[in-house]
Amino acid sequence: ICIARALVLRPKLLVADEPVSALD
């Protein structure tokens, strides 16, 4: 969902801050 929120504007740059550290 967080990625979808970032993607909805069709940005050129996406900054991912520790995108999987809170996940299994």
PDB file of all heavy atoms in Angstrom:
ATOM      1  N   ILE A   1       0.839  -1.202   0.000  1.00  0.00           N
ATOM      2  CA  ILE A   1       0.000   0.000   0.000  1.00  0.00           C
ATOM      3  C   ILE A   1       0.872   1.249   0.000  1.00  0.00           C
ATOM      4  O   ILE A   1       0.608   2.217  -0.727  1.00  0.00           O
ATOM      5  CB  ILE A   1      -0.953  -0.011   1.216  1.00  0.00           C
ATOM      6  CG1 ILE A   1      -1.950  -1.172   1.110  1.00  0.00           C
ATOM      7  CG2 ILE A   1      -1.698   1.321   1.323  1.00  0.00           C
ATOM      8  CD1 ILE A   1      -2.704  -1.459   2.394  1.00  0.00           C
ATOM      9  N   CYS A   2       1.928   1.230   0.818  1.00  0.00           N
ATOM     10  CA  CYS A   2       2.849   2.370   0.856  1.00  0.00           C
ATOM     11  C   CYS A   2       3.505   2.599  -0.505  1.00  0.00           C
ATOM     12  O   CYS A   2       3.671   3.741  -0.941  1.00  0.00           O
ATOM     13  CB  CYS A   2       3.924   2.140   1.913  1.00  0.00           C
ATOM     14  SG  CYS A   2       3.322   2.121   3.616  1.00  0.00           S
ATOM     15  N   ILE A   3       3.858   1.523  -1.171  1.00  0.00           N
ATOM     16  CA  ILE A   3       4.463   1.638  -2.498  1.00  0.00           C
ATOM     17  C   ILE A   3       3.447   2.180  -3.498  1.00  0.00           C
ATOM     18  O   ILE A   3       3.767   3.019  -4.342  1.00  0.00           O
ATOM     19  CB  ILE A   3       5.028   0.273  -2.948  1.00  0.00           C
ATOM     20  CG1 ILE A   3       6.195  -0.139  -2.034  1.00  0.00           C
ATOM     21  CG2 ILE A   3       5.501   0.336  -4.403  1.00  0.00           C
ATOM     22  CD1 ILE A   3       6.656  -1.572  -2.240  1.00  0.00           C
ATOM     23  N   ALA A   4       2.185   1.708  -3.396  1.00  0.00           N
ATOM     24  CA  ALA A   4       1.133   2.214  -4.285  1.00  0.00           C
ATOM     25  C   ALA A   4       0.931   3.707  -4.084  1.00  0.00           C
ATOM     26  O   ALA A   4       0.749   4.463  -5.048  1.00  0.00           O
ATOM     27  CB  ALA A   4      -0.175   1.461  -4.031  1.00  0.00           C
ATOM     28  N   ARG A   5       0.960   4.157  -2.832  1.00  0.00           N
ATOM     29  CA  ARG A   5       0.808   5.591  -2.541  1.00  0.00           C
ATOM     30  C   ARG A   5       1.938   6.396  -3.186  1.00  0.00           C
ATOM     31  O   ARG A   5       1.720   7.495  -3.710  1.00  0.00           O
ATOM     32  CB  ARG A   5       0.789   5.808  -1.026  1.00  0.00           C
ATOM     33  CG  ARG A   5       0.693   7.266  -0.609  1.00  0.00           C
ATOM     34  CD  ARG A   5       0.595   7.421   0.900  1.00  0.00           C
ATOM     35  NE  ARG A   5       1.742   6.835   1.589  1.00  0.00           N
ATOM     36  CZ  ARG A   5       1.836   6.702   2.911  1.00  0.00           C
ATOM     37  NH1 ARG A   5       0.846   7.126   3.683  1.00  0.00           N
ATOM     38  NH2 ARG A   5       2.907   6.159   3.463  1.00  0.00           N
ATOM     39  N   ALA A   6       3.151   5.860  -3.142  1.00  0.00           N
ATOM     40  CA  ALA A   6       4.282   6.546  -3.764  1.00  0.00           C
ATOM     41  C   ALA A   6       4.200   6.491  -5.281  1.00  0.00           C
ATOM     42  O   ALA A   6       4.632   7.419  -5.974  1.00  0.00           O
ATOM     43  CB  ALA A   6       5.590   5.919  -3.288  1.00  0.00           C
ATOM     44  N   LEU A   7       3.652   5.419  -5.804  1.00  0.00           N
ATOM     45  CA  LEU A   7       3.625   5.188  -7.250  1.00  0.00           C
ATOM     46  C   LEU A   7       2.514   5.957  -7.955  1.00  0.00           C
ATOM     47  O   LEU A   7       2.606   6.197  -9.167  1.00  0.00           O
ATOM     48  CB  LEU A   7       3.458   3.679  -7.500  1.00  0.00           C
ATOM     49  CG  LEU A   7       3.650   3.144  -8.901  1.00  0.00           C
ATOM     50  CD1 LEU A   7       5.103   3.289  -9.345  1.00  0.00           C
ATOM     51  CD2 LEU A   7       3.225   1.674  -8.958  1.00  0.00           C
ATOM     52  N   VAL A   8       1.467   6.342  -7.225  1.00  0.00           N
ATOM     53  CA  VAL A   8       0.264   6.867  -7.861  1.00  0.00           C
ATOM     54  C   VAL A   8       0.533   8.144  -8.650  1.00  0.00           C
ATOM     55  O   VAL A   8      -0.169   8.437  -9.636  1.00  0.00           O
ATOM     56  CB  VAL A   8      -0.851   7.085  -6.804  1.00  0.00           C
ATOM     57  CG1 VAL A   8      -0.569   8.308  -5.940  1.00  0.00           C
ATOM     58  CG2 VAL A   8      -2.221   7.187  -7.475  1.00  0.00           C
ATOM     59  N   LEU A   9       1.567   8.908  -8.275  1.00  0.00           N
ATOM     60  CA  LEU A   9       1.903  10.135  -9.005  1.00  0.00           C
ATOM     61  C   LEU A   9       2.814   9.879 -10.203  1.00  0.00           C
ATOM     62  O   LEU A   9       3.182  10.811 -10.916  1.00  0.00           O
ATOM     63  CB  LEU A   9       2.577  11.139  -8.065  1.00  0.00           C
ATOM     64  CG  LEU A   9       1.682  11.753  -6.988  1.00  0.00           C
ATOM     65  CD1 LEU A   9       2.510  12.557  -6.003  1.00  0.00           C
ATOM     66  CD2 LEU A   9       0.609  12.634  -7.619  1.00  0.00           C
ATOM     67  N   ARG A  10       3.186   8.622 -10.393  1.00  0.00           N
ATOM     68  CA  ARG A  10       4.121   8.241 -11.466  1.00  0.00           C
ATOM     69  C   ARG A  10       5.417   9.058 -11.355  1.00  0.00           C
ATOM     70  O   ARG A  10       5.820   9.747 -12.304  1.00  0.00           O
ATOM     71  CB  ARG A  10       3.491   8.415 -12.844  1.00  0.00           C
ATOM     72  CG  ARG A  10       2.260   7.555 -13.097  1.00  0.00           C
ATOM     73  CD  ARG A  10       2.622   6.073 -13.134  1.00  0.00           C
ATOM     74  NE  ARG A  10       1.493   5.258 -13.561  1.00  0.00           N
ATOM     75  CZ  ARG A  10       0.633   4.660 -12.737  1.00  0.00           C
ATOM     76  NH1 ARG A  10       0.788   4.807 -11.420  1.00  0.00           N
ATOM     77  NH2 ARG A  10      -0.343   3.922 -13.196  1.00  0.00           N
ATOM     78  N   PRO A  11       6.088   8.982 -10.214  1.00  0.00           N
ATOM     79  CA  PRO A  11       7.314   9.776 -10.027  1.00  0.00           C
ATOM     80  C   PRO A  11       8.468   9.229 -10.855  1.00  0.00           C
ATOM     81  O   PRO A  11       8.452   8.077 -11.294  1.00  0.00           O
ATOM     82  CB  PRO A  11       7.598   9.615  -8.531  1.00  0.00           C
ATOM     83  CG  PRO A  11       7.057   8.245  -8.212  1.00  0.00           C
ATOM     84  CD  PRO A  11       5.810   8.123  -9.056  1.00  0.00           C
ATOM     85  N   LYS A  12       9.479  10.047 -11.026  1.00  0.00           N
ATOM     86  CA  LYS A  12      10.690   9.596 -11.700  1.00  0.00           C
ATOM     87  C   LYS A  12      11.661   8.957 -10.705  1.00  0.00           C
ATOM     88  O   LYS A  12      12.406   8.049 -11.063  1.00  0.00           O
ATOM     89  CB  LYS A  12      11.372  10.773 -12.414  1.00  0.00           C
ATOM     90  CG  LYS A  12      10.540  11.351 -13.550  1.00  0.00           C
ATOM     91  CD  LYS A  12      11.310  12.421 -14.296  1.00  0.00           C
ATOM     92  CE  LYS A  12      10.451  13.036 -15.389  1.00  0.00           C
ATOM     93  NZ  LYS A  12      10.024  12.048 -16.398  1.00  0.00           N
ATOM     94  N   LEU A  13      11.645   9.443  -9.447  1.00  0.00           N
ATOM     95  CA  LEU A  13      12.561   8.947  -8.419  1.00  0.00           C
ATOM     96  C   LEU A  13      11.767   8.425  -7.236  1.00  0.00           C
ATOM     97  O   LEU A  13      10.877   9.112  -6.721  1.00  0.00           O
ATOM     98  CB  LEU A  13      13.499  10.074  -7.955  1.00  0.00           C
ATOM     99  CG  LEU A  13      14.403   9.778  -6.754  1.00  0.00           C
ATOM    100  CD1 LEU A  13      15.376   8.644  -7.067  1.00  0.00           C
ATOM    101  CD2 LEU A  13      15.162  11.036  -6.340  1.00  0.00           C
ATOM    102  N   LEU A  14      12.106   7.217  -6.788  1.00  0.00           N
ATOM    103  CA  LEU A  14      11.493   6.649  -5.599  1.00  0.00           C
ATOM    104  C   LEU A  14      12.600   6.361  -4.588  1.00  0.00           C
ATOM    105  O   LEU A  14      13.557   5.645  -4.888  1.00  0.00           O
ATOM    106  CB  LEU A  14      10.722   5.375  -5.932  1.00  0.00           C
ATOM    107  CG  LEU A  14       9.771   4.867  -4.844  1.00  0.00           C
ATOM    108  CD1 LEU A  14       8.582   4.142  -5.487  1.00  0.00           C
ATOM    109  CD2 LEU A  14      10.454   3.934  -3.861  1.00  0.00           C
ATOM    110  N   VAL A  15      12.465   6.951  -3.413  1.00  0.00           N
ATOM    111  CA  VAL A  15      13.419   6.740  -2.323  1.00  0.00           C
ATOM    112  C   VAL A  15      12.815   5.726  -1.363  1.00  0.00           C
ATOM    113  O   VAL A  15      11.719   5.951  -0.824  1.00  0.00           O
ATOM    114  CB  VAL A  15      13.727   8.057  -1.586  1.00  0.00           C
ATOM    115  CG1 VAL A  15      14.688   7.813  -0.421  1.00  0.00           C
ATOM    116  CG2 VAL A  15      14.316   9.081  -2.558  1.00  0.00           C
ATOM    117  N   ALA A  16      13.505   4.622  -1.151  1.00  0.00           N
ATOM    118  CA  ALA A  16      13.021   3.553  -0.268  1.00  0.00           C
ATOM    119  C   ALA A  16      13.948   3.473   0.937  1.00  0.00           C
ATOM    120  O   ALA A  16      15.113   3.096   0.812  1.00  0.00           O
ATOM    121  CB  ALA A  16      12.977   2.224  -1.010  1.00  0.00           C
ATOM    122  N   ASP A  17      13.432   3.836   2.103  1.00  0.00           N
ATOM    123  CA  ASP A  17      14.225   3.848   3.332  1.00  0.00           C
ATOM    124  C   ASP A  17      13.986   2.543   4.089  1.00  0.00           C
ATOM    125  O   ASP A  17      12.941   2.358   4.708  1.00  0.00           O
ATOM    126  CB  ASP A  17      13.834   5.052   4.190  1.00  0.00           C
ATOM    127  CG  ASP A  17      14.712   5.194   5.430  1.00  0.00           C
ATOM    128  OD1 ASP A  17      15.690   4.426   5.566  1.00  0.00           O
ATOM    129  OD2 ASP A  17      14.423   6.070   6.262  1.00  0.00           O
ATOM    130  N   GLU A  18      14.952   1.637   4.025  1.00  0.00           N
ATOM    131  CA  GLU A  18      14.851   0.321   4.683  1.00  0.00           C
ATOM    132  C   GLU A  18      13.499  -0.325   4.366  1.00  0.00           C
ATOM    133  O   GLU A  18      12.716  -0.632   5.271  1.00  0.00           O
ATOM    134  CB  GLU A  18      15.020   0.478   6.200  1.00  0.00           C
ATOM    135  CG  GLU A  18      16.343   1.069   6.637  1.00  0.00           C
ATOM    136  CD  GLU A  18      17.470   0.050   6.688  1.00  0.00           C
ATOM    137  OE1 GLU A  18      17.271  -1.082   6.214  1.00  0.00           O
ATOM    138  OE2 GLU A  18      18.548   0.407   7.178  1.00  0.00           O
ATOM    139  N   PRO A  19      13.187  -0.565   3.095  1.00  0.00           N
ATOM    140  CA  PRO A  19      11.828  -0.970   2.716  1.00  0.00           C
ATOM    141  C   PRO A  19      11.408  -2.353   3.197  1.00  0.00           C
ATOM    142  O   PRO A  19      10.213  -2.658   3.179  1.00  0.00           O
ATOM    143  CB  PRO A  19      11.869  -0.914   1.182  1.00  0.00           C
ATOM    144  CG  PRO A  19      13.306  -1.147   0.834  1.00  0.00           C
ATOM    145  CD  PRO A  19      14.078  -0.456   1.927  1.00  0.00           C
ATOM    146  N   VAL A  20      12.357  -3.194   3.613  1.00  0.00           N
ATOM    147  CA  VAL A  20      11.973  -4.554   4.033  1.00  0.00           C
ATOM    148  C   VAL A  20      12.462  -4.898   5.429  1.00  0.00           C
ATOM    149  O   VAL A  20      12.269  -6.024   5.882  1.00  0.00           O
ATOM    150  CB  VAL A  20      12.487  -5.615   3.026  1.00  0.00           C
ATOM    151  CG1 VAL A  20      11.904  -5.369   1.643  1.00  0.00           C
ATOM    152  CG2 VAL A  20      14.004  -5.642   2.971  1.00  0.00           C
ATOM    153  N   SER A  21      13.050  -3.955   6.150  1.00  0.00           N
ATOM    154  CA  SER A  21      13.647  -4.287   7.442  1.00  0.00           C
ATOM    155  C   SER A  21      12.606  -4.657   8.494  1.00  0.00           C
ATOM    156  O   SER A  21      12.922  -5.357   9.459  1.00  0.00           O
ATOM    157  CB  SER A  21      14.514  -3.131   7.954  1.00  0.00           C
ATOM    158  OG  SER A  21      13.717  -1.992   8.213  1.00  0.00           O
ATOM    159  N   ALA A  22      11.352  -4.184   8.329  1.00  0.00           N
ATOM    160  CA  ALA A  22      10.306  -4.490   9.302  1.00  0.00           C
ATOM    161  C   ALA A  22       9.522  -5.751   8.936  1.00  0.00           C
ATOM    162  O   ALA A  22       8.556  -6.094   9.622  1.00  0.00           O
ATOM    163  CB  ALA A  22       9.348  -3.300   9.426  1.00  0.00           C
ATOM    164  N   LEU A  23       9.960  -6.449   7.875  1.00  0.00           N
ATOM    165  CA  LEU A  23       9.204  -7.598   7.367  1.00  0.00           C
ATOM    166  C   LEU A  23       9.977  -8.893   7.549  1.00  0.00           C
ATOM    167  O   LEU A  23      11.207  -8.899   7.655  1.00  0.00           O
ATOM    168  CB  LEU A  23       8.902  -7.396   5.872  1.00  0.00           C
ATOM    169  CG  LEU A  23       8.192  -6.095   5.479  1.00  0.00           C
ATOM    170  CD1 LEU A  23       8.079  -6.007   3.969  1.00  0.00           C
ATOM    171  CD2 LEU A  23       6.821  -6.006   6.133  1.00  0.00           C
ATOM    172  N   ASP A  24       9.238 -10.013   7.589  1.00  0.00           N
ATOM    173  CA  ASP A  24       9.880 -11.326   7.578  1.00  0.00           C
ATOM    174  C   ASP A  24      10.699 -11.489   6.304  1.00  0.00           C
ATOM    175  O   ASP A  24      10.408 -10.868   5.275  1.00  0.00           O
ATOM    176  CB  ASP A  24       8.826 -12.437   7.648  1.00  0.00           C
ATOM    177  CG  ASP A  24       8.092 -12.473   8.986  1.00  0.00           C
ATOM    178  OD1 ASP A  24       8.627 -11.906   9.957  1.00  0.00           O
ATOM    179  OD2 ASP A  24       7.000 -13.051   9.051  1.00  0.00           O
TER     180      ASP A  24
END
